[in-house]
Amino acid sequence: MGRPPLTLDQRRDRQVNTRFTRSEIRALEEGARARKMGVTAFVRAAALEGAGQPLGPNPAELGALIRAEKRRELLRIGNNLNQIARSLHILVGRERRLASDTDVMICIEDAREHLGQLQELLVREAAR
């Protein structure tokens, strides 16, 4: 299932050609880089802001930021699960014994909590 078609007001089907000097282009590139935007999106945002109509975030760039944040969150959750497993192994190894049912249940509950967070994250992402 693809994304829904854009309305006429959402389509960017008009073009304005503008010439810049090399130093102006460098300034635009630096400004865009500082704001983690492409040059085109940066110029569009600056022009609209100057016209008194601030532009919302670029959907593609916003999507990339969301994906990056989701990836960081997944990495955090994975790291937490690894720490739980490592703690269980250290506990068992240090005390030279098998893990008790209680030890295992505590680790399972911790893992369930983190997996629940992962599930919520994935459900929210799928709803977008």
Protein backbone atom coordinates (compact mmCIF):
# COMPACT_ATOMS: atom_id res chain seq x y z
CA MET A 1 0.00 0.00 0.00
CA GLY A 2 1.54 3.29 -1.10
CA ARG A 3 1.15 6.65 0.48
CA PRO A 4 -1.98 8.63 -0.37
CA PRO A 5 -1.72 11.07 -3.28
CA LEU A 6 -0.93 14.69 -2.47
CA THR A 7 -3.58 17.35 -2.85
CA LEU A 8 -2.99 20.19 -5.30
CA ASP A 9 -1.93 22.44 -2.39
CA GLN A 10 0.59 19.85 -1.18
CA ARG A 11 2.25 19.21 -4.56
CA ARG A 12 5.42 21.09 -5.27
CA ASP A 13 4.91 21.46 -8.99
CA ARG A 14 6.09 25.08 -9.40
CA GLN A 15 9.69 26.08 -9.83
CA VAL A 16 11.66 29.31 -9.30
CA ASN A 17 15.11 29.55 -10.85
CA THR A 18 17.60 31.76 -9.05
CA ARG A 19 21.28 32.43 -9.65
CA PHE A 20 23.81 32.62 -6.81
CA THR A 21 27.48 33.49 -6.58
CA ARG A 22 29.93 30.84 -5.38
CA SER A 23 30.20 32.51 -1.99
CA GLU A 24 26.40 32.68 -1.68
CA ILE A 25 26.14 28.97 -2.51
CA ARG A 26 28.80 28.18 0.14
CA ALA A 27 26.81 30.19 2.69
CA LEU A 28 23.61 28.34 1.76
CA GLU A 29 25.38 24.96 1.99
CA GLU A 30 26.82 25.83 5.40
CA GLY A 31 23.44 27.04 6.66
CA ALA A 32 21.72 23.91 5.37
CA ARG A 33 24.38 21.64 6.87
CA ALA A 34 24.12 23.39 10.25
CA ARG A 35 20.38 22.71 10.28
CA LYS A 36 20.76 19.17 8.90
CA MET A 37 18.75 20.07 5.82
CA GLY A 38 19.29 19.81 2.10
CA VAL A 39 20.13 23.07 0.32
CA THR A 40 16.81 23.10 -1.55
CA ALA A 41 14.77 22.61 1.63
CA PHE A 42 16.89 25.25 3.38
CA VAL A 43 16.36 27.82 0.60
CA ARG A 44 12.61 27.06 0.50
CA ALA A 45 12.30 27.42 4.29
CA ALA A 46 14.30 30.67 4.31
CA ALA A 47 12.28 32.14 1.43
CA LEU A 48 8.93 31.24 2.98
CA GLU A 49 10.02 32.45 6.41
CA GLY A 50 11.07 35.74 4.81
CA ALA A 51 7.62 35.95 3.22
CA GLY A 52 6.03 35.47 6.64
CA GLN A 53 5.00 31.86 6.06
CA PRO A 54 7.32 29.54 7.95
CA LEU A 55 7.61 26.14 6.32
CA GLY A 56 6.93 23.00 8.33
CA PRO A 57 9.53 20.25 8.30
CA ASN A 58 10.39 18.59 5.00
CA PRO A 59 8.53 15.24 5.06
CA ALA A 60 11.52 13.28 3.71
CA GLU A 61 13.92 14.85 6.18
CA LEU A 62 11.42 14.45 9.02
CA GLY A 63 11.04 10.78 8.07
CA ALA A 64 14.81 10.33 8.16
CA LEU A 65 14.98 11.98 11.60
CA ILE A 66 12.16 9.75 12.88
CA ARG A 67 13.87 6.64 11.50
CA ALA A 68 17.15 7.68 13.12
CA GLU A 69 15.40 8.22 16.47
CA LYS A 70 13.60 4.86 16.19
CA ARG A 71 16.92 3.19 15.40
CA ARG A 72 18.52 4.78 18.48
CA GLU A 73 15.57 3.63 20.60
CA LEU A 74 15.85 0.08 19.26
CA LEU A 75 19.58 0.11 20.00
CA ARG A 76 18.87 1.27 23.58
CA ILE A 77 16.33 -1.51 24.07
CA GLY A 78 18.70 -4.10 22.60
CA ASN A 79 21.47 -2.84 24.84
CA ASN A 80 19.19 -3.18 27.88
CA LEU A 81 18.34 -6.76 26.93
CA ASN A 82 22.04 -7.57 26.52
CA GLN A 83 22.76 -6.09 29.95
CA ILE A 84 20.03 -8.26 31.47
CA ALA A 85 21.50 -11.41 29.90
CA ARG A 86 25.03 -10.39 30.92
CA SER A 87 23.91 -9.74 34.52
CA LEU A 88 22.41 -13.21 34.68
CA HIS A 89 25.60 -14.80 33.32
CA ILE A 90 27.80 -12.85 35.75
CA LEU A 91 25.57 -13.77 38.68
CA VAL A 92 25.70 -17.44 37.76
CA GLY A 93 29.43 -17.42 36.96
CA ARG A 94 30.53 -15.47 40.04
CA GLU A 95 28.62 -17.63 42.45
CA ARG A 96 29.48 -20.83 40.56
CA ARG A 97 25.92 -22.02 40.65
CA LEU A 98 22.98 -22.44 38.40
CA ALA A 99 20.60 -19.52 38.22
CA SER A 100 17.66 -19.89 40.55
CA ASP A 101 14.12 -19.73 39.27
CA THR A 102 13.85 -16.33 40.96
CA ASP A 103 16.97 -15.03 39.13
CA VAL A 104 15.58 -16.20 35.81
CA MET A 105 12.11 -14.79 36.49
CA ILE A 106 13.55 -11.38 37.38
CA CYS A 107 15.50 -11.33 34.12
CA ILE A 108 12.48 -12.52 32.15
CA GLU A 109 10.33 -9.75 33.65
CA ASP A 110 12.99 -7.16 32.77
CA ALA A 111 13.14 -8.55 29.24
CA ARG A 112 9.32 -8.49 28.97
CA GLU A 113 9.28 -4.84 29.98
CA HIS A 114 11.82 -3.94 27.31
CA LEU A 115 10.09 -6.06 24.68
CA GLY A 116 6.82 -4.32 25.58
CA GLN A 117 8.51 -0.98 24.94
CA LEU A 118 9.77 -2.30 21.61
CA GLN A 119 6.28 -3.50 20.68
CA GLU A 120 4.78 -0.08 21.52
CA LEU A 121 7.44 1.60 19.42
CA LEU A 122 6.75 -0.66 16.44
CA VAL A 123 2.97 -0.24 16.74
CA ARG A 124 3.34 3.58 16.80
CA GLU A 125 5.65 3.40 13.78
CA ALA A 126 3.22 1.18 11.86
CA ALA A 127 0.35 3.59 12.59
CA ARG A 128 2.19 6.44 10.84
